[in-house]
């Protein structure tokens, strides 16, 4: 089954007709002609996901799946391995903003899971800022910060707030035909989750097999994400992201990471370096 569907020519024609009708009887101004051309170009370039891929995207797990397993594996918390909040102003393209909205969202899940209130507030501010600049600030309840402060002793409620934020963001992007941005956000979040887990495996002073098992458990989600990304092979920007994500594949080669199999320190470091190389392209 094809993973990719072009917007039909009839839909494109109908959309263009609407644009021309709205231009009015007196003829469009130069400004209107520019706007109309931009709309037409956008429609012409539009790519939509197949129903199967859209379902995968809508149901893609939040980074809590990784961070919850990390705390269960008794991995310690380290603020230093998360993306630096001070870097949030460095992201000035739609792609860098979307990818790092995902990265900071994973860091937010990480800090919430470990009940780190100060760090949670910093990452929440970063995600709020990037969401605003991407035009999806509407999903961020203006009282969210107050809700976090009110529930800072109720970890389950804080996790529920963040999960709701993920769900609302994804729904908003999908309903507003911005699935490409949603895929970028998911890619950033997934990569950061793997990076956090790999870092914990390398720095652990105890047996790291449980932590590496956390990464092994993400194989299915990785395959789902690469399937979604394959729908954008005709888009150079997204193809570049897909190629970067493809370099993570060796992590899930059985000899490297297998559930219940003890992994050597050397192998753990290789996984960390691999995840870090992809992550660095996103955050730096």
Protein backbone atom coordinates (compact mmCIF):
# COMPACT_ATOMS: atom_id res chain seq x y z
CA UNK A 1 0.00 0.00 0.00
CA UNK A 2 1.37 3.40 -0.89
CA UNK A 3 2.53 5.51 2.07
CA UNK A 4 2.13 8.72 0.12
CA UNK A 5 -0.85 10.48 -1.44
CA UNK A 6 -0.72 13.70 -3.42
CA UNK A 7 -3.59 16.08 -2.94
CA UNK A 8 -5.95 15.40 -5.85
CA UNK A 9 -6.05 17.79 -8.79
CA UNK A 10 -9.76 18.39 -8.24
CA UNK A 11 -9.11 19.53 -4.68
CA UNK A 12 -6.33 21.78 -5.89
CA UNK A 13 -8.59 23.25 -8.60
CA UNK A 14 -11.37 23.87 -6.11
CA UNK A 15 -8.99 25.61 -3.74
CA UNK A 16 -7.65 27.81 -6.51
CA UNK A 17 -11.19 28.74 -7.54
CA UNK A 18 -11.92 29.88 -4.00
CA UNK A 19 -8.83 32.06 -4.06
CA UNK A 20 -9.86 33.74 -7.33
CA UNK A 21 -13.45 34.26 -6.18
CA UNK A 22 -12.29 35.94 -2.99
CA UNK A 23 -10.11 38.27 -5.04
CA UNK A 24 -13.25 40.18 -6.05
CA UNK A 25 -14.57 41.61 -9.30
CA UNK A 26 -12.22 44.59 -9.48
CA UNK A 27 -9.15 42.42 -10.05
CA UNK A 28 -6.56 41.50 -7.45
CA UNK A 29 -3.94 43.94 -6.27
CA UNK A 30 -0.26 43.06 -6.53
CA UNK A 31 -0.44 42.02 -2.88
CA UNK A 32 -3.34 39.68 -3.59
CA UNK A 33 -1.57 38.17 -6.60
CA UNK A 34 1.42 37.36 -4.39
CA UNK A 35 -0.84 35.79 -1.76
CA UNK A 36 -2.74 33.82 -4.38
CA UNK A 37 0.47 32.47 -5.90
CA UNK A 38 1.74 31.48 -2.45
CA UNK A 39 -1.50 29.62 -1.75
CA UNK A 40 -1.38 27.91 -5.12
CA UNK A 41 2.24 26.88 -4.65
CA UNK A 42 1.44 25.56 -1.18
CA UNK A 43 -1.45 23.50 -2.50
CA UNK A 44 0.68 22.19 -5.35
CA UNK A 45 3.40 21.04 -2.95
CA UNK A 46 1.04 19.59 -0.38
CA UNK A 47 1.64 16.00 0.66
CA UNK A 48 -0.72 14.10 2.93
CA UNK A 49 -0.08 10.91 4.83
CA UNK A 50 -1.91 7.72 4.03
CA UNK A 51 -4.59 6.79 6.56
CA UNK A 52 -2.31 4.07 7.93
CA UNK A 53 0.59 6.50 8.47
CA UNK A 54 -1.72 9.11 9.95
CA UNK A 55 -2.94 6.57 12.49
CA UNK A 56 0.66 5.71 13.38
CA UNK A 57 1.42 9.40 13.89
CA UNK A 58 -1.71 10.09 15.93
CA UNK A 59 -0.97 7.15 18.22
CA UNK A 60 2.77 7.60 18.50
CA UNK A 61 3.82 7.21 22.17
CA UNK A 62 4.96 10.24 24.14
CA UNK A 63 8.54 10.33 25.56
CA UNK A 64 7.03 9.31 28.90
CA UNK A 65 7.31 5.72 27.65
CA UNK A 66 11.10 6.07 27.81
CA UNK A 67 11.44 8.25 30.92
CA UNK A 68 9.07 6.06 32.93
CA UNK A 69 11.19 3.02 32.06
CA UNK A 70 14.36 4.91 32.99
CA UNK A 71 13.17 5.67 36.49
CA UNK A 72 12.00 2.04 36.83
CA UNK A 73 15.52 0.95 35.84
CA UNK A 74 16.80 3.23 38.65
CA UNK A 75 18.71 5.47 36.25
CA UNK A 76 19.71 8.76 37.85
CA UNK A 77 18.57 12.20 36.68
CA UNK A 78 21.05 14.57 35.05
CA UNK A 79 20.01 18.05 33.94
CA UNK A 80 23.27 18.41 32.02
CA UNK A 81 22.36 15.80 29.40
CA UNK A 82 19.09 17.52 28.47
CA UNK A 83 19.06 20.26 25.83
CA UNK A 84 20.18 23.61 27.22
CA UNK A 85 17.18 25.94 27.80
CA UNK A 86 19.43 28.89 26.92
CA UNK A 87 19.64 27.61 23.34
CA UNK A 88 15.94 28.09 22.65
CA UNK A 89 16.55 31.47 20.98
CA UNK A 90 18.98 29.89 18.50
CA UNK A 91 16.26 28.07 16.57
CA UNK A 92 15.05 30.32 13.77
CA UNK A 93 13.69 28.02 11.05
CA UNK A 94 10.45 26.08 11.09
CA UNK A 95 12.34 22.80 11.02
CA UNK A 96 14.74 23.66 13.86
CA UNK A 97 11.84 24.98 15.94
CA UNK A 98 9.72 21.89 15.33
CA UNK A 99 12.55 19.43 15.99
CA UNK A 100 13.53 21.18 19.19
CA UNK A 101 9.93 21.51 20.32
CA UNK A 102 10.12 17.72 20.27
CA UNK A 103 13.52 17.66 21.99
CA UNK A 104 12.43 20.01 24.77
CA UNK A 105 9.17 18.07 25.11
CA UNK A 106 11.18 14.91 25.83
CA UNK A 107 13.27 16.87 28.33
CA UNK A 108 10.03 18.11 29.89
CA UNK A 109 8.81 14.52 30.26
CA UNK A 110 12.20 13.61 31.75
CA UNK A 111 12.09 16.34 34.38
CA UNK A 112 8.42 15.74 35.23
CA UNK A 113 9.00 12.00 35.65
CA UNK A 114 11.83 12.69 38.10
CA UNK A 115 9.82 15.40 39.91
CA UNK A 116 12.34 18.16 39.11
CA UNK A 117 10.16 21.24 39.45
CA UNK A 118 12.70 23.94 38.56
CA UNK A 119 13.84 22.10 35.44
CA UNK A 120 10.24 21.35 34.50
CA UNK A 121 9.40 25.05 34.52
CA UNK A 122 12.41 25.83 32.29
CA UNK A 123 11.52 23.18 29.72
CA UNK A 124 7.86 24.18 29.82
CA UNK A 125 8.89 27.76 29.01
CA UNK A 126 10.99 26.50 26.06
CA UNK A 127 8.19 24.39 24.61
CA UNK A 128 5.71 27.23 25.08
CA UNK A 129 7.99 29.67 23.23
CA UNK A 130 8.63 27.36 20.29
CA UNK A 131 4.97 26.41 20.03
CA UNK A 132 4.07 30.09 19.93
CA UNK A 133 6.56 30.74 17.13
CA UNK A 134 5.24 27.74 15.19
CA UNK A 135 1.70 29.09 15.44
CA UNK A 136 0.35 26.40 17.75
CA UNK A 137 0.40 28.34 21.00
CA UNK A 138 -3.37 27.93 21.22
CA UNK A 139 -2.94 24.41 22.54
CA UNK A 140 -0.91 25.77 25.45
CA UNK A 141 -3.36 26.73 28.14
CA UNK A 142 -2.38 30.16 29.50
CA UNK A 143 -2.96 28.82 33.00
CA UNK A 144 -0.71 25.80 32.44
CA UNK A 145 2.20 27.23 34.43
CA UNK A 146 -0.18 27.95 37.31
CA UNK A 147 -1.50 24.40 37.08
CA UNK A 148 2.03 23.05 37.26
CA UNK A 149 2.79 25.13 40.33
CA UNK A 150 -0.46 24.06 41.94
CA UNK A 151 0.28 20.37 41.32
CA UNK A 152 4.03 20.34 41.91
CA UNK A 153 3.52 17.78 44.67
CA UNK A 154 1.20 15.64 42.58
CA UNK A 155 3.37 13.92 40.00
CA UNK A 156 0.53 11.94 38.43
CA UNK A 157 -1.41 15.14 37.77
CA UNK A 158 1.66 16.83 36.26
CA UNK A 159 2.24 13.86 33.94
CA UNK A 160 -1.43 14.00 32.93
CA UNK A 161 -1.05 17.71 32.09
CA UNK A 162 1.94 17.06 29.83
CA UNK A 163 0.29 14.09 28.11
CA UNK A 164 -2.72 16.26 27.41
CA UNK A 165 -0.41 18.89 25.95
CA UNK A 166 1.07 16.32 23.57
CA UNK A 167 -2.35 15.11 22.50
CA UNK A 168 -3.69 18.63 21.90
CA UNK A 169 -0.60 19.65 19.91
CA UNK A 170 -0.79 16.63 17.64
CA UNK A 171 -4.54 17.03 17.12
CA UNK A 172 -4.14 20.71 16.28
CA UNK A 173 -1.38 20.07 13.72
CA UNK A 174 -3.24 17.20 12.09
CA UNK A 175 -6.54 19.08 11.83
CA UNK A 176 -4.79 22.12 10.38
CA UNK A 177 -2.98 20.12 7.69
CA UNK A 178 0.43 20.55 9.31
CA UNK A 179 1.34 16.90 9.70
CA UNK A 180 4.86 17.61 8.46
CA UNK A 181 5.50 19.77 11.53
CA UNK A 182 3.96 17.07 13.71
CA UNK A 183 6.36 14.49 12.23
CA UNK A 184 9.32 16.80 12.96
CA UNK A 185 8.19 17.22 16.58
CA UNK A 186 7.81 13.45 17.02
CA UNK A 187 11.26 12.87 15.46
CA UNK A 188 12.89 15.33 17.85
CA UNK A 189 11.14 13.85 20.87
CA UNK A 190 11.99 10.27 19.92
CA UNK A 191 15.66 11.06 19.30
CA UNK A 192 16.02 12.92 22.58
CA UNK A 193 14.41 10.04 24.45
CA UNK A 194 16.92 7.57 23.00
CA UNK A 195 19.77 9.99 23.76
CA UNK A 196 18.68 10.39 27.40
CA UNK A 197 18.50 6.62 27.82
CA UNK A 198 21.88 6.05 26.13
CA UNK A 199 23.50 8.70 28.31
CA UNK A 200 22.08 7.05 31.43
CA UNK A 201 23.46 3.70 30.27
CA UNK A 202 26.96 5.10 29.80
CA UNK A 203 27.09 7.02 33.09
CA UNK A 204 25.49 4.32 35.24
CA UNK A 205 27.81 2.92 37.91
CA UNK A 206 25.60 -0.15 38.19
CA UNK A 207 24.64 -2.88 35.72
CA UNK A 208 23.29 -0.97 32.72
CA UNK A 209 21.46 -3.90 31.13
CA UNK A 210 18.07 -2.66 32.34
CA UNK A 211 18.68 0.78 30.91
CA UNK A 212 19.79 -0.66 27.56
CA UNK A 213 16.64 -2.79 27.60
CA UNK A 214 14.73 0.51 27.64
CA UNK A 215 16.34 1.39 24.31
CA UNK A 216 15.72 -2.12 22.94
CA UNK A 217 12.03 -1.71 23.74
CA UNK A 218 11.87 1.29 21.39
CA UNK A 219 12.58 -0.75 18.26
CA UNK A 220 8.91 -0.96 17.27
CA UNK A 221 8.43 2.78 17.72
CA UNK A 222 11.55 3.43 15.64
CA UNK A 223 10.14 1.32 12.82
CA UNK A 224 6.84 3.20 13.01
CA UNK A 225 8.63 6.54 12.80
CA UNK A 226 10.76 5.52 9.80
CA UNK A 227 7.61 4.26 8.06
CA UNK A 228 5.98 7.66 8.58
CA UNK A 229 9.07 9.49 7.34
CA UNK A 230 9.19 7.38 4.18
CA UNK A 231 6.05 9.21 3.03
CA UNK A 232 8.13 12.35 2.51
CA UNK A 233 10.84 10.99 0.20
CA UNK A 234 9.95 13.60 -2.42
CA UNK A 235 10.61 16.47 0.01
CA UNK A 236 14.38 17.20 0.25
CA UNK A 237 14.10 18.68 3.73
CA UNK A 238 12.17 15.76 5.14
CA UNK A 239 14.30 13.27 3.18
CA UNK A 240 17.34 14.68 4.97
CA UNK A 241 15.63 14.11 8.33
CA UNK A 242 14.68 10.57 7.29
CA UNK A 243 18.29 9.88 6.30
CA UNK A 244 19.49 11.11 9.71
CA UNK A 245 16.98 8.91 11.51
CA UNK A 246 18.04 5.95 9.35
CA UNK A 247 21.54 6.15 10.81
CA UNK A 248 20.06 5.11 14.18
CA UNK A 249 19.09 1.68 12.80
CA UNK A 250 22.26 -0.14 13.99
CA UNK A 251 21.16 0.53 17.56
CA UNK A 252 18.52 -2.17 17.17
CA UNK A 253 20.69 -4.80 15.54
CA UNK A 254 20.20 -7.81 17.87
CA UNK A 255 23.88 -8.17 18.66
CA UNK A 256 23.96 -4.57 19.89
CA UNK A 257 20.78 -4.33 21.94
CA UNK A 258 18.55 -7.24 22.84
CA UNK A 259 16.02 -7.33 25.70
CA UNK A 260 17.52 -9.08 28.71
CA UNK A 261 20.98 -9.24 27.15
CA UNK A 262 23.83 -7.58 29.04
CA UNK A 263 25.60 -4.94 26.98
CA UNK A 264 29.25 -4.08 27.36
CA UNK A 265 30.36 -0.59 28.30
CA UNK A 266 31.99 -0.29 24.88
CA UNK A 267 28.74 -1.16 23.12
CA UNK A 268 26.83 1.29 25.32
CA UNK A 269 29.26 4.05 24.36
CA UNK A 270 28.79 3.28 20.67
CA UNK A 271 25.02 3.56 21.07
CA UNK A 272 25.45 6.84 22.94
CA UNK A 273 27.72 8.24 20.21
CA UNK A 274 25.31 7.19 17.47
CA UNK A 275 22.28 8.72 19.18
CA UNK A 276 24.31 11.81 20.06
CA UNK A 277 25.42 12.41 16.47
CA UNK A 278 21.82 12.55 15.24
CA UNK A 279 20.68 14.58 18.22
CA UNK A 280 23.50 17.10 17.77
CA UNK A 281 22.29 17.87 14.25
CA UNK A 282 18.94 18.84 15.77
CA UNK A 283 20.03 20.95 18.71
CA UNK A 284 23.23 22.65 17.50
